[in-house]
Amino acid sequence: MLKLTQDGKFEMIMFGIKHTGTWTKSGQWIYMTDGTSKMKISYKVITSEAAKLKVDHFSDEDGHSIFEYEAK
């Protein structure tokens, strides 16, 4: 689950853990910072459509993952 709001806030469940905080976008990249743990998450946007988002995620802890989100 990923929810990005226009006021720069996000809610996300990644690997069963809920994260909330702030986000910004620069070029193809979405940068998120968890408000509690201050963990930084970076996504490279692969495709973006009206109801679908496909991103590439790199993490030292989790390795490399491709996530696909669809509006419900």
PDB file of N, CA and C in Angstrom:
ATOM      1  N   MET A   1       0.847  -1.165   0.000  1.00  0.00           N
ATOM      2  CA  MET A   1       0.000   0.000   0.000  1.00  0.00           C
ATOM      3  C   MET A   1       0.895   1.231   0.000  1.00  0.00           C
ATOM      4  N   LEU A   2       0.574   2.167  -0.849  1.00  0.00           N
ATOM      5  CA  LEU A   2       1.286   3.435  -0.888  1.00  0.00           C
ATOM      6  C   LEU A   2       0.279   4.550  -1.133  1.00  0.00           C
ATOM      7  N   LYS A   3       0.346   5.585  -0.313  1.00  0.00           N
ATOM      8  CA  LYS A   3      -0.512   6.750  -0.477  1.00  0.00           C
ATOM      9  C   LYS A   3       0.381   7.983  -0.420  1.00  0.00           C
ATOM     10  N   LEU A   4       0.430   8.719  -1.540  1.00  0.00           N
ATOM     11  CA  LEU A   4       1.165   9.977  -1.615  1.00  0.00           C
ATOM     12  C   LEU A   4       0.137  11.092  -1.710  1.00  0.00           C
ATOM     13  N   THR A   5       0.237  12.085  -0.843  1.00  0.00           N
ATOM     14  CA  THR A   5      -0.716  13.193  -0.894  1.00  0.00           C
ATOM     15  C   THR A   5      -0.034  14.439  -1.461  1.00  0.00           C
ATOM     16  N   GLN A   6      -0.834  15.343  -1.983  1.00  0.00           N
ATOM     17  CA  GLN A   6      -0.306  16.549  -2.614  1.00  0.00           C
ATOM     18  C   GLN A   6       0.419  17.464  -1.638  1.00  0.00           C
ATOM     19  N   ASP A   7       0.150  17.322  -0.346  1.00  0.00           N
ATOM     20  CA  ASP A   7       0.829  18.172   0.636  1.00  0.00           C
ATOM     21  C   ASP A   7       2.176  17.601   1.085  1.00  0.00           C
ATOM     22  N   GLY A   8       2.685  16.564   0.373  1.00  0.00           N
ATOM     23  CA  GLY A   8       4.011  16.026   0.645  1.00  0.00           C
ATOM     24  C   GLY A   8       4.086  14.996   1.750  1.00  0.00           C
ATOM     25  N   LYS A   9       2.951  14.385   2.103  1.00  0.00           N
ATOM     26  CA  LYS A   9       2.940  13.341   3.132  1.00  0.00           C
ATOM     27  C   LYS A   9       2.692  11.984   2.460  1.00  0.00           C
ATOM     28  N   PHE A  10       3.148  10.917   3.128  1.00  0.00           N
ATOM     29  CA  PHE A  10       2.900   9.580   2.598  1.00  0.00           C
ATOM     30  C   PHE A  10       2.537   8.612   3.712  1.00  0.00           C
ATOM     31  N   GLU A  11       1.842   7.544   3.311  1.00  0.00           N
ATOM     32  CA  GLU A  11       1.581   6.374   4.150  1.00  0.00           C
ATOM     33  C   GLU A  11       1.945   5.178   3.291  1.00  0.00           C
ATOM     34  N   MET A  12       2.625   4.210   3.880  1.00  0.00           N
ATOM     35  CA  MET A  12       3.058   3.056   3.105  1.00  0.00           C
ATOM     36  C   MET A  12       3.181   1.841   4.015  1.00  0.00           C
ATOM     37  N   ILE A  13       2.877   0.675   3.466  1.00  0.00           N
ATOM     38  CA  ILE A  13       3.163  -0.584   4.134  1.00  0.00           C
ATOM     39  C   ILE A  13       4.179  -1.302   3.252  1.00  0.00           C
ATOM     40  N   MET A  14       5.375  -1.529   3.812  1.00  0.00           N
ATOM     41  CA  MET A  14       6.443  -2.207   3.084  1.00  0.00           C
ATOM     42  C   MET A  14       6.916  -3.388   3.922  1.00  0.00           C
ATOM     43  N   PHE A  15       6.855  -4.579   3.322  1.00  0.00           N
ATOM     44  CA  PHE A  15       7.261  -5.803   4.016  1.00  0.00           C
ATOM     45  C   PHE A  15       6.523  -5.948   5.347  1.00  0.00           C
ATOM     46  N   GLY A  16       5.227  -5.564   5.355  1.00  0.00           N
ATOM     47  CA  GLY A  16       4.385  -5.716   6.532  1.00  0.00           C
ATOM     48  C   GLY A  16       4.544  -4.643   7.598  1.00  0.00           C
ATOM     49  N   ILE A  17       5.379  -3.640   7.340  1.00  0.00           N
ATOM     50  CA  ILE A  17       5.613  -2.576   8.314  1.00  0.00           C
ATOM     51  C   ILE A  17       5.054  -1.262   7.787  1.00  0.00           C
ATOM     52  N   LYS A  18       4.248  -0.565   8.620  1.00  0.00           N
ATOM     53  CA  LYS A  18       3.659   0.706   8.215  1.00  0.00           C
ATOM     54  C   LYS A  18       4.652   1.845   8.446  1.00  0.00           C
ATOM     55  N   HIS A  19       4.787   2.692   7.443  1.00  0.00           N
ATOM     56  CA  HIS A  19       5.634   3.877   7.516  1.00  0.00           C
ATOM     57  C   HIS A  19       4.792   5.095   7.161  1.00  0.00           C
ATOM     58  N   THR A  20       5.022   6.202   7.820  1.00  0.00           N
ATOM     59  CA  THR A  20       4.398   7.478   7.476  1.00  0.00           C
ATOM     60  C   THR A  20       5.474   8.552   7.560  1.00  0.00           C
ATOM     61  N   GLY A  21       5.313   9.594   6.761  1.00  0.00           N
ATOM     62  CA  GLY A  21       6.289  10.675   6.798  1.00  0.00           C
ATOM     63  C   GLY A  21       6.083  11.633   5.648  1.00  0.00           C
ATOM     64  N   THR A  22       7.186  12.158   5.134  1.00  0.00           N
ATOM     65  CA  THR A  22       7.122  13.150   4.062  1.00  0.00           C
ATOM     66  C   THR A  22       7.808  12.627   2.810  1.00  0.00           C
ATOM     67  N   TRP A  23       7.429  13.220   1.661  1.00  0.00           N
ATOM     68  CA  TRP A  23       8.037  12.822   0.398  1.00  0.00           C
ATOM     69  C   TRP A  23       8.259  14.047  -0.490  1.00  0.00           C
ATOM     70  N   THR A  24       9.229  13.904  -1.405  1.00  0.00           N
ATOM     71  CA  THR A  24       9.496  14.896  -2.447  1.00  0.00           C
ATOM     72  C   THR A  24       9.818  14.140  -3.721  1.00  0.00           C
ATOM     73  N   LYS A  25       9.768  14.838  -4.845  1.00  0.00           N
ATOM     74  CA  LYS A  25      10.077  14.232  -6.140  1.00  0.00           C
ATOM     75  C   LYS A  25      11.071  15.113  -6.858  1.00  0.00           C
ATOM     76  N   SER A  26      12.057  14.484  -7.492  1.00  0.00           N
ATOM     77  CA  SER A  26      13.043  15.189  -8.301  1.00  0.00           C
ATOM     78  C   SER A  26      13.341  14.330  -9.520  1.00  0.00           C
ATOM     79  N   GLY A  27      12.950  14.810 -10.696  1.00  0.00           N
ATOM     80  CA  GLY A  27      13.143  14.009 -11.903  1.00  0.00           C
ATOM     81  C   GLY A  27      12.383  12.703 -11.803  1.00  0.00           C
ATOM     82  N   GLN A  28      13.079  11.585 -12.016  1.00  0.00           N
ATOM     83  CA  GLN A  28      12.461  10.261 -11.941  1.00  0.00           C
ATOM     84  C   GLN A  28      12.449   9.693 -10.530  1.00  0.00           C
ATOM     85  N   TRP A  29      12.947  10.422  -9.552  1.00  0.00           N
ATOM     86  CA  TRP A  29      13.107   9.883  -8.205  1.00  0.00           C
ATOM     87  C   TRP A  29      12.066  10.422  -7.234  1.00  0.00           C
ATOM     88  N   ILE A  30      11.545   9.535  -6.374  1.00  0.00           N
ATOM     89  CA  ILE A  30      10.687   9.895  -5.249  1.00  0.00           C
ATOM     90  C   ILE A  30      11.487   9.600  -3.987  1.00  0.00           C
ATOM     91  N   TYR A  31      11.630  10.611  -3.128  1.00  0.00           N
ATOM     92  CA  TYR A  31      12.382  10.468  -1.880  1.00  0.00           C
ATOM     93  C   TYR A  31      11.412  10.571  -0.712  1.00  0.00           C
ATOM     94  N   MET A  32      11.442   9.572   0.177  1.00  0.00           N
ATOM     95  CA  MET A  32      10.565   9.555   1.338  1.00  0.00           C
ATOM     96  C   MET A  32      11.402   9.459   2.609  1.00  0.00           C
ATOM     97  N   THR A  33      10.940  10.133   3.653  1.00  0.00           N
ATOM     98  CA  THR A  33      11.582  10.044   4.962  1.00  0.00           C
ATOM     99  C   THR A  33      10.526   9.662   5.987  1.00  0.00           C
ATOM    100  N   ASP A  34      10.752   8.537   6.667  1.00  0.00           N
ATOM    101  CA  ASP A  34       9.841   8.075   7.702  1.00  0.00           C
ATOM    102  C   ASP A  34       9.876   9.067   8.854  1.00  0.00           C
ATOM    103  N   GLY A  35       8.708   9.524   9.286  1.00  0.00           N
ATOM    104  CA  GLY A  35       8.608  10.527  10.336  1.00  0.00           C
ATOM    105  C   GLY A  35       9.053  10.048  11.706  1.00  0.00           C
ATOM    106  N   THR A  36       8.988   8.740  11.969  1.00  0.00           N
ATOM    107  CA  THR A  36       9.363   8.199  13.273  1.00  0.00           C
ATOM    108  C   THR A  36      10.823   7.757  13.313  1.00  0.00           C
ATOM    109  N   SER A  37      11.189   6.861  12.415  1.00  0.00           N
ATOM    110  CA  SER A  37      12.544   6.287  12.433  1.00  0.00           C
ATOM    111  C   SER A  37      13.562   7.124  11.662  1.00  0.00           C
ATOM    112  N   LYS A  38      13.086   8.082  10.861  1.00  0.00           N
ATOM    113  CA  LYS A  38      13.933   8.908   9.987  1.00  0.00           C
ATOM    114  C   LYS A  38      14.592   8.093   8.874  1.00  0.00           C
ATOM    115  N   MET A  39      14.124   6.847   8.661  1.00  0.00           N
ATOM    116  CA  MET A  39      14.631   6.017   7.582  1.00  0.00           C
ATOM    117  C   MET A  39      14.315   6.687   6.247  1.00  0.00           C
ATOM    118  N   LYS A  40      15.275   6.680   5.338  1.00  0.00           N
ATOM    119  CA  LYS A  40      15.085   7.268   4.025  1.00  0.00           C
ATOM    120  C   LYS A  40      14.828   6.166   3.008  1.00  0.00           C
ATOM    121  N   ILE A  41      13.837   6.387   2.143  1.00  0.00           N
ATOM    122  CA  ILE A  41      13.448   5.433   1.115  1.00  0.00           C
ATOM    123  C   ILE A  41      13.490   6.178  -0.215  1.00  0.00           C
ATOM    124  N   SER A  42      14.142   5.586  -1.210  1.00  0.00           N
ATOM    125  CA  SER A  42      14.221   6.205  -2.536  1.00  0.00           C
ATOM    126  C   SER A  42      13.665   5.247  -3.575  1.00  0.00           C
ATOM    127  N   TYR A  43      12.799   5.768  -4.422  1.00  0.00           N
ATOM    128  CA  TYR A  43      12.227   5.002  -5.525  1.00  0.00           C
ATOM    129  C   TYR A  43      12.575   5.691  -6.833  1.00  0.00           C
ATOM    130  N   LYS A  44      13.004   4.916  -7.819  1.00  0.00           N
ATOM    131  CA  LYS A  44      13.149   5.438  -9.173  1.00  0.00           C
ATOM    132  C   LYS A  44      11.890   5.041  -9.932  1.00  0.00           C
ATOM    133  N   VAL A  45      11.171   6.010 -10.467  1.00  0.00           N
ATOM    134  CA  VAL A  45       9.923   5.745 -11.178  1.00  0.00           C
ATOM    135  C   VAL A  45      10.245   5.109 -12.529  1.00  0.00           C
ATOM    136  N   ILE A  46       9.690   3.919 -12.763  1.00  0.00           N
ATOM    137  CA  ILE A  46       9.854   3.228 -14.042  1.00  0.00           C
ATOM    138  C   ILE A  46       8.734   3.646 -14.981  1.00  0.00           C
ATOM    139  N   THR A  47       7.485   3.532 -14.501  1.00  0.00           N
ATOM    140  CA  THR A  47       6.328   3.989 -15.270  1.00  0.00           C
ATOM    141  C   THR A  47       5.326   4.633 -14.320  1.00  0.00           C
ATOM    142  N   SER A  48       4.635   5.623 -14.839  1.00  0.00           N
ATOM    143  CA  SER A  48       3.607   6.311 -14.067  1.00  0.00           C
ATOM    144  C   SER A  48       2.417   6.562 -14.981  1.00  0.00           C
ATOM    145  N   GLU A  49       1.280   5.992 -14.609  1.00  0.00           N
ATOM    146  CA  GLU A  49       0.040   6.176 -15.352  1.00  0.00           C
ATOM    147  C   GLU A  49      -1.002   6.711 -14.376  1.00  0.00           C
ATOM    148  N   ALA A  50      -2.185   7.025 -14.867  1.00  0.00           N
ATOM    149  CA  ALA A  50      -3.240   7.602 -14.023  1.00  0.00           C
ATOM    150  C   ALA A  50      -3.547   6.726 -12.807  1.00  0.00           C
ATOM    151  N   ALA A  51      -3.567   5.399 -12.976  1.00  0.00           N
ATOM    152  CA  ALA A  51      -3.954   4.518 -11.878  1.00  0.00           C
ATOM    153  C   ALA A  51      -2.879   3.506 -11.512  1.00  0.00           C
ATOM    154  N   LYS A  52      -1.662   3.614 -12.106  1.00  0.00           N
ATOM    155  CA  LYS A  52      -0.605   2.642 -11.831  1.00  0.00           C
ATOM    156  C   LYS A  52       0.737   3.341 -11.675  1.00  0.00           C
ATOM    157  N   LEU A  53       1.551   2.791 -10.781  1.00  0.00           N
ATOM    158  CA  LEU A  53       2.895   3.303 -10.547  1.00  0.00           C
ATOM    159  C   LEU A  53       3.820   2.104 -10.402  1.00  0.00           C
ATOM    160  N   LYS A  54       4.901   2.082 -11.172  1.00  0.00           N
ATOM    161  CA  LYS A  54       5.898   1.019 -11.083  1.00  0.00           C
ATOM    162  C   LYS A  54       7.224   1.681 -10.736  1.00  0.00           C
ATOM    163  N   VAL A  55       7.852   1.208  -9.641  1.00  0.00           N
ATOM    164  CA  VAL A  55       9.080   1.837  -9.153  1.00  0.00           C
ATOM    165  C   VAL A  55      10.165   0.790  -8.884  1.00  0.00           C
ATOM    166  N   ASP A  56      11.392   1.260  -8.942  1.00  0.00           N
ATOM    167  CA  ASP A  56      12.569   0.447  -8.661  1.00  0.00           C
ATOM    168  C   ASP A  56      13.127   0.923  -7.325  1.00  0.00           C
ATOM    169  N   HIS A  57      13.350   0.000  -6.397  1.00  0.00           N
ATOM    170  CA  HIS A  57      13.808   0.341  -5.044  1.00  0.00           C
ATOM    171  C   HIS A  57      15.118  -0.384  -4.749  1.00  0.00           C
ATOM    172  N   PHE A  58      16.112   0.371  -4.270  1.00  0.00           N
ATOM    173  CA  PHE A  58      17.386  -0.203  -3.846  1.00  0.00           C
ATOM    174  C   PHE A  58      17.552   0.055  -2.354  1.00  0.00           C
ATOM    175  N   SER A  59      18.005  -0.964  -1.617  1.00  0.00           N
ATOM    176  CA  SER A  59      18.214  -0.820  -0.181  1.00  0.00           C
ATOM    177  C   SER A  59      19.379  -1.697   0.240  1.00  0.00           C
ATOM    178  N   ASP A  60      20.224  -1.187   1.119  1.00  0.00           N
ATOM    179  CA  ASP A  60      21.331  -1.984   1.644  1.00  0.00           C
ATOM    180  C   ASP A  60      20.810  -3.206   2.406  1.00  0.00           C
ATOM    181  N   GLU A  61      19.672  -3.039   3.109  1.00  0.00           N
ATOM    182  CA  GLU A  61      19.126  -4.121   3.914  1.00  0.00           C
ATOM    183  C   GLU A  61      18.273  -5.095   3.106  1.00  0.00           C
ATOM    184  N   ASP A  62      17.462  -4.561   2.171  1.00  0.00           N
ATOM    185  CA  ASP A  62      16.483  -5.391   1.458  1.00  0.00           C
ATOM    186  C   ASP A  62      16.905  -5.755   0.045  1.00  0.00           C
ATOM    187  N   GLY A  63      18.046  -5.235  -0.433  1.00  0.00           N
ATOM    188  CA  GLY A  63      18.481  -5.531  -1.796  1.00  0.00           C
ATOM    189  C   GLY A  63      17.739  -4.693  -2.814  1.00  0.00           C
ATOM    190  N   HIS A  64      17.408  -5.305  -3.931  1.00  0.00           N
ATOM    191  CA  HIS A  64      16.789  -4.623  -5.068  1.00  0.00           C
ATOM    192  C   HIS A  64      15.391  -5.185  -5.280  1.00  0.00           C
ATOM    193  N   SER A  65      14.395  -4.308  -5.398  1.00  0.00           N
ATOM    194  CA  SER A  65      13.010  -4.748  -5.574  1.00  0.00           C
ATOM    195  C   SER A  65      12.304  -3.843  -6.568  1.00  0.00           C
ATOM    196  N   ILE A  66      11.370  -4.418  -7.320  1.00  0.00           N
ATOM    197  CA  ILE A  66      10.473  -3.657  -8.194  1.00  0.00           C
ATOM    198  C   ILE A  66       9.091  -3.748  -7.541  1.00  0.00           C
ATOM    199  N   PHE A  67       8.463  -2.587  -7.323  1.00  0.00           N
ATOM    200  CA  PHE A  67       7.124  -2.539  -6.757  1.00  0.00           C
ATOM    201  C   PHE A  67       6.152  -1.961  -7.779  1.00  0.00           C
ATOM    202  N   GLU A  68       4.967  -2.533  -7.838  1.00  0.00           N
ATOM    203  CA  GLU A  68       3.894  -2.016  -8.691  1.00  0.00           C
ATOM    204  C   GLU A  68       2.708  -1.687  -7.805  1.00  0.00           C
ATOM    205  N   TYR A  69       2.235  -0.452  -7.907  1.00  0.00           N
ATOM    206  CA  TYR A  69       1.086   0.009  -7.127  1.00  0.00           C
ATOM    207  C   TYR A  69      -0.042   0.320  -8.098  1.00  0.00           C
ATOM    208  N   GLU A  70      -1.266   0.006  -7.693  1.00  0.00           N
ATOM    209  CA  GLU A  70      -2.438   0.275  -8.515  1.00  0.00           C
ATOM    210  C   GLU A  70      -3.511   0.932  -7.657  1.00  0.00           C
ATOM    211  N   ALA A  71      -4.127   1.984  -8.196  1.00  0.00           N
ATOM    212  CA  ALA A  71      -5.185   2.689  -7.467  1.00  0.00           C
ATOM    213  C   ALA A  71      -6.380   1.783  -7.268  1.00  0.00           C
ATOM    214  N   LYS A  72      -6.950   1.843  -6.087  1.00  0.00           N
ATOM    215  CA  LYS A  72      -8.159   1.050  -5.758  1.00  0.00           C
ATOM    216  C   LYS A  72      -9.294   1.979  -5.471  1.00  0.00           C
TER     217      LYS A  72
END
